[in-house]
Structures are given as structure tokens and as C-alpha cells.
Amino acid sequence: MPDEQEKNTLMVFTNDMCGTCKHVVPELDHVKRHYTDLRIIVVSSPIYYEEGLQVPDGVHLIRSDGLMNTYLIHSVPTAMLIDREGIILATQSVSSYENIMDMIGLSAEKVS
């Protein structure tokens, strides 16, 4: 099994109030099962009034307003694939896990 530092990373930027995000986040389990060597991180704003989005096992959750600004994310859900060296391979708005699977597949072809 590769070292955690050697994994590609999929970041999915979300918002707890977004209906599409509430649909996409649980589907990340399908992505995780298909791409076992992919680190998946959900990024959402901090919340103080409720429990918020729940992520599948093996998916990390970071609550940060700063990361959305750093990566220039203007709409959610947006997925970003980052390679082992920290290079952004693809960024795209998504509405389902199929969009994410397609993005990962196309990106894998580009770097091969």
C-alpha cells in the first residue's frame, strides 16, 4: 500500500446548505471503493448551528472558509484532483459521483 504522502488527492468543496452537495457527499463512498489509492477530502465552511454534512468512512472532512478562497472556488460542489506532487490536474463543478469518476478517468489519461 502506498505511503499517504504518495497518494493523489480528490478535494470536494461543499456547503452544508447545498442540496446537490448533500446528494454528492454520500456518493463519495462509490469513488473511494473504486479508487482505493485516492485520498478524498471534503472541504466545507465551519458551522455552529447543527451537525452538518456527514462524510463516508475513509473520507476526510475539513471545515475551512480559507481553503475555498485559496483555491478560488466560487460554486459548490466543485471537485479538484491533485497529483502526488501537488499539481492540480483537473477542477470541475459536479452534480453526481459519475461526474467525479469521469473527471478522474480523463485526468488519469492525460498524465499517462
Protein backbone atom coordinates (compact mmCIF):
# COMPACT_ATOMS: atom_id res chain seq x y z
CA MET A 1 0.00 0.00 0.00
CA PRO A 2 1.45 3.40 -0.93
CA ASP A 3 2.50 5.87 1.74
CA GLU A 4 -0.15 8.54 2.47
CA GLN A 5 2.22 11.17 1.02
CA GLU A 6 2.28 9.32 -2.31
CA LYS A 7 -1.48 9.35 -2.92
CA ASN A 8 -3.33 11.56 -5.35
CA THR A 9 -5.93 13.72 -3.63
CA LEU A 10 -9.51 14.49 -4.56
CA MET A 11 -10.84 17.60 -2.84
CA VAL A 12 -14.60 18.18 -2.98
CA PHE A 13 -15.67 21.68 -1.98
CA THR A 14 -19.17 21.79 -0.50
CA ASN A 15 -21.62 23.77 1.59
CA ASP A 16 -23.88 22.27 4.27
CA MET A 17 -26.93 24.11 2.88
CA CYS A 18 -26.40 22.96 -0.73
CA GLY A 19 -28.91 20.31 -1.84
CA THR A 20 -26.62 18.94 -4.55
CA CYS A 21 -23.76 18.71 -2.03
CA LYS A 22 -25.98 16.70 0.33
CA HIS A 23 -26.53 14.28 -2.57
CA VAL A 24 -22.90 14.10 -3.79
CA VAL A 25 -21.07 13.69 -0.46
CA PRO A 26 -22.57 10.30 0.49
CA GLU A 27 -21.82 9.08 -3.06
CA LEU A 28 -18.10 9.63 -2.42
CA ASP A 29 -18.18 6.14 -0.92
CA HIS A 30 -18.52 4.80 -4.51
CA VAL A 31 -15.47 6.80 -5.59
CA LYS A 32 -13.49 5.60 -2.55
CA ARG A 33 -14.31 1.95 -3.26
CA HIS A 34 -13.36 2.26 -6.94
CA TYR A 35 -10.17 4.31 -6.41
CA THR A 36 -8.73 2.81 -3.23
CA ASP A 37 -5.41 4.63 -3.66
CA LEU A 38 -7.08 8.08 -3.76
CA ARG A 39 -7.20 10.36 -0.70
CA ILE A 40 -10.60 12.09 -0.59
CA ILE A 41 -11.14 15.31 1.34
CA VAL A 42 -14.44 17.18 1.67
CA VAL A 43 -13.99 20.90 2.36
CA SER A 44 -16.91 22.82 3.84
CA SER A 45 -17.39 26.03 5.80
CA PRO A 46 -17.46 25.91 9.58
CA ILE A 47 -20.93 25.60 11.08
CA TYR A 48 -22.15 26.26 14.60
CA TYR A 49 -25.87 25.54 14.48
CA GLU A 50 -26.19 21.85 13.56
CA GLU A 51 -24.22 18.69 12.91
CA GLY A 52 -23.73 19.36 9.19
CA LEU A 53 -22.69 17.07 6.38
CA GLN A 54 -21.63 13.55 7.27
CA VAL A 55 -18.85 12.03 5.19
CA PRO A 56 -18.42 8.31 4.43
CA ASP A 57 -15.82 6.27 6.29
CA GLY A 58 -12.36 6.83 4.87
CA VAL A 59 -13.24 10.32 3.60
CA HIS A 60 -11.75 13.28 5.47
CA LEU A 61 -13.69 16.44 6.36
CA ILE A 62 -12.03 19.84 6.72
CA ARG A 63 -14.10 22.82 7.82
CA SER A 64 -12.42 25.95 6.49
CA ASP A 65 -13.51 29.15 4.77
CA GLY A 66 -9.90 29.87 3.81
CA LEU A 67 -9.40 26.85 1.55
CA MET A 68 -12.26 27.87 -0.75
CA ASN A 69 -10.65 31.28 -1.13
CA THR A 70 -7.17 29.82 -1.59
CA TYR A 71 -8.31 27.52 -4.41
CA LEU A 72 -10.60 30.21 -5.94
CA ILE A 73 -13.77 28.12 -5.55
CA HIS A 74 -16.86 30.14 -6.48
CA SER A 75 -19.54 27.44 -6.72
CA VAL A 76 -20.26 24.16 -4.97
CA PRO A 77 -19.96 21.29 -5.30
CA THR A 78 -16.64 21.57 -7.09
CA ALA A 79 -14.15 18.69 -7.33
CA MET A 80 -10.40 19.15 -7.70
CA LEU A 81 -7.92 16.36 -8.46
CA ILE A 82 -4.37 16.97 -7.22
CA ASP A 83 -1.44 14.69 -8.05
CA ARG A 84 1.27 13.39 -5.73
CA GLU A 85 3.47 16.44 -6.38
CA GLY A 86 0.67 18.91 -5.55
CA ILE A 87 -0.14 19.80 -9.16
CA ILE A 88 -3.83 20.40 -9.91
CA LEU A 89 -4.81 18.00 -12.69
CA ALA A 90 -8.49 18.92 -13.02
CA THR A 91 -11.18 21.13 -11.49
CA GLN A 92 -14.84 20.90 -12.31
CA SER A 93 -18.32 21.55 -10.98
CA VAL A 94 -20.06 18.27 -10.24
CA SER A 95 -23.61 17.12 -9.69
CA SER A 96 -23.01 13.41 -9.07
CA TYR A 97 -20.27 10.92 -8.34
CA GLU A 98 -20.37 9.93 -12.01
CA ASN A 99 -19.05 13.41 -12.86
CA ILE A 100 -16.20 12.82 -10.41
CA MET A 101 -15.45 9.36 -11.83
CA ASP A 102 -15.36 10.81 -15.36
CA MET A 103 -13.05 13.62 -14.25
CA ILE A 104 -10.65 11.18 -12.55
CA GLY A 105 -10.67 8.89 -15.59
CA LEU A 106 -9.95 11.71 -18.04
CA SER A 107 -7.23 13.13 -15.80
CA ALA A 108 -5.56 9.73 -15.49
CA GLU A 109 -5.44 9.52 -19.30
CA LYS A 110 -3.87 13.00 -19.56
CA VAL A 111 -0.96 12.17 -17.26
CA SER A 112 -0.27 8.70 -18.69
